[in-house]
């Protein structure tokens, strides 16, 4: 099973291609986000994900198209940019959540506790005029 992080990673890669923004947005959704269950997302990303899904399913499709194609067709380029930016922001949220969950709080000692502070002092340089 592909993780939410992977889905958003690949969707973000779709969004940085050189094709028009609306085409990139449709491809990112269809190829990587369409089958992503909301419950795989961290809690703080779910509302943003729902906002993306609402914006990609808000227009009644014409014959021969789906709701995503219809919704993106009706978007201005600015709205498509904002939707794409929200996808990238969700990717960042998921990444931060993954990093935070892997931190264990372990402290790594970088020097021996047997060393005395004078061993770490830097000698003072005296400038001759």
Protein backbone atom coordinates (compact mmCIF):
# COMPACT_ATOMS: atom_id res chain seq x y z
CA UNK A 1 0.00 0.00 0.00
CA UNK A 2 1.30 3.45 -0.93
CA UNK A 3 1.59 5.87 1.99
CA UNK A 4 0.01 9.32 2.12
CA UNK A 5 3.52 10.81 2.03
CA UNK A 6 4.27 8.92 -1.21
CA UNK A 7 0.99 10.01 -2.79
CA UNK A 8 1.64 13.67 -2.02
CA UNK A 9 5.30 13.36 -2.99
CA UNK A 10 4.35 12.05 -6.44
CA UNK A 11 1.51 14.57 -6.76
CA UNK A 12 3.97 17.37 -6.00
CA UNK A 13 6.33 16.03 -8.68
CA UNK A 14 3.41 16.16 -11.13
CA UNK A 15 2.79 19.78 -10.19
CA UNK A 16 6.31 20.92 -11.10
CA UNK A 17 6.22 19.69 -14.70
CA UNK A 18 6.23 22.14 -17.60
CA UNK A 19 2.66 21.49 -18.79
CA UNK A 20 -0.14 24.01 -18.09
CA UNK A 21 -1.17 24.23 -14.41
CA UNK A 22 -4.69 22.90 -14.99
CA UNK A 23 -3.36 19.82 -16.77
CA UNK A 24 -0.82 19.25 -13.97
CA UNK A 25 -3.51 19.56 -11.34
CA UNK A 26 -5.77 17.01 -13.03
CA UNK A 27 -2.86 14.56 -13.45
CA UNK A 28 -1.76 14.98 -9.83
CA UNK A 29 -5.26 14.20 -8.64
CA UNK A 30 -6.02 11.30 -10.97
CA UNK A 31 -2.66 9.56 -10.69
CA UNK A 32 -1.88 10.07 -7.03
CA UNK A 33 -4.63 11.56 -4.86
CA UNK A 34 -7.91 10.11 -6.15
CA UNK A 35 -7.76 6.87 -4.20
CA UNK A 36 -6.06 8.21 -1.07
CA UNK A 37 -8.20 7.53 2.02
CA UNK A 38 -8.51 10.55 4.28
CA UNK A 39 -7.79 8.44 7.37
CA UNK A 40 -4.19 7.92 6.20
CA UNK A 41 -3.53 11.63 6.67
CA UNK A 42 -2.41 13.22 9.92
CA UNK A 43 -5.22 15.13 11.64
CA UNK A 44 -3.80 18.56 10.89
CA UNK A 45 -3.75 17.86 7.13
CA UNK A 46 -7.29 16.52 6.80
CA UNK A 47 -9.14 19.84 6.57
CA UNK A 48 -6.74 21.07 3.87
CA UNK A 49 -7.15 17.77 2.01
CA UNK A 50 -10.94 18.12 2.22
CA UNK A 51 -10.62 21.64 0.85
CA UNK A 52 -8.63 20.34 -2.14
CA UNK A 53 -11.18 17.58 -2.71
CA UNK A 54 -14.09 20.04 -2.52
CA UNK A 55 -12.44 22.38 -5.02
CA UNK A 56 -11.79 19.47 -7.41
CA UNK A 57 -15.37 18.15 -7.22
CA UNK A 58 -17.46 21.32 -7.08
CA UNK A 59 -18.71 21.55 -10.69
CA UNK A 60 -21.32 19.38 -12.37
CA UNK A 61 -19.54 17.67 -15.30
CA UNK A 62 -20.60 17.96 -18.91
CA UNK A 63 -21.24 14.84 -20.93
CA UNK A 64 -18.01 12.92 -21.39
CA UNK A 65 -16.06 14.52 -18.54
CA UNK A 66 -15.74 13.87 -14.84
CA UNK A 67 -16.22 16.27 -11.95
CA UNK A 68 -12.47 16.91 -11.61
CA UNK A 69 -12.05 17.90 -15.26
CA UNK A 70 -15.16 20.10 -15.04
CA UNK A 71 -14.05 21.75 -11.80
CA UNK A 72 -10.54 22.45 -13.03
CA UNK A 73 -11.88 23.71 -16.38
CA UNK A 74 -13.97 26.28 -14.49
CA UNK A 75 -11.07 27.39 -12.27
CA UNK A 76 -9.09 30.49 -13.08
CA UNK A 77 -5.33 30.00 -13.36
CA UNK A 78 -5.02 31.71 -9.96
CA UNK A 79 -7.46 29.24 -8.38
CA UNK A 80 -5.58 26.33 -9.95
CA UNK A 81 -2.30 27.74 -8.59
CA UNK A 82 -3.83 28.04 -5.12
CA UNK A 83 -5.14 24.46 -5.24
CA UNK A 84 -1.72 23.20 -6.35
CA UNK A 85 -0.03 25.21 -3.60
CA UNK A 86 -2.36 23.65 -1.04
CA UNK A 87 -1.34 20.18 -2.24
CA UNK A 88 2.32 21.13 -1.74
CA UNK A 89 1.52 22.52 1.73
CA UNK A 90 -0.15 19.23 2.68
CA UNK A 91 2.95 17.38 1.50
CA UNK A 92 4.99 19.60 3.84
CA UNK A 93 2.62 18.95 6.75
CA UNK A 94 2.86 15.20 6.23
CA UNK A 95 6.65 15.40 6.05
CA UNK A 96 6.87 17.41 9.27
CA UNK A 97 4.48 14.98 10.97
CA UNK A 98 6.62 12.02 9.85
CA UNK A 99 9.79 13.65 11.18
CA UNK A 100 8.14 14.55 14.48
CA UNK A 101 6.83 11.02 14.96
CA UNK A 102 10.26 9.45 14.37
CA UNK A 103 12.02 11.61 16.94
CA UNK A 104 12.47 9.69 20.14
CA UNK A 105 13.98 12.36 22.33
CA UNK A 106 17.18 10.37 22.80
CA UNK A 107 20.21 12.43 23.77
CA UNK A 108 23.48 11.44 22.14
CA UNK A 109 26.57 12.21 24.17
CA UNK A 110 29.30 13.66 21.97
CA UNK A 111 32.16 13.65 24.50
CA UNK A 112 33.18 11.67 27.51
CA UNK A 113 31.89 12.85 30.84
CA UNK A 114 35.36 12.11 32.24
CA UNK A 115 36.87 15.04 30.33
CA UNK A 116 37.40 18.17 32.34
CA UNK A 117 36.45 21.57 30.94
CA UNK A 118 40.07 22.81 30.62
CA UNK A 119 40.65 20.17 27.95
CA UNK A 120 38.18 22.02 25.75
CA UNK A 121 39.49 25.53 26.30
CA UNK A 122 41.02 27.32 23.34
CA UNK A 123 44.32 29.08 24.09
CA UNK A 124 44.15 32.87 23.89
CA UNK A 125 46.09 34.36 21.01
CA UNK A 126 48.10 37.47 21.83
CA UNK A 127 48.65 39.89 19.00
CA UNK A 128 52.06 41.60 18.77
CA UNK A 129 51.93 45.19 17.59
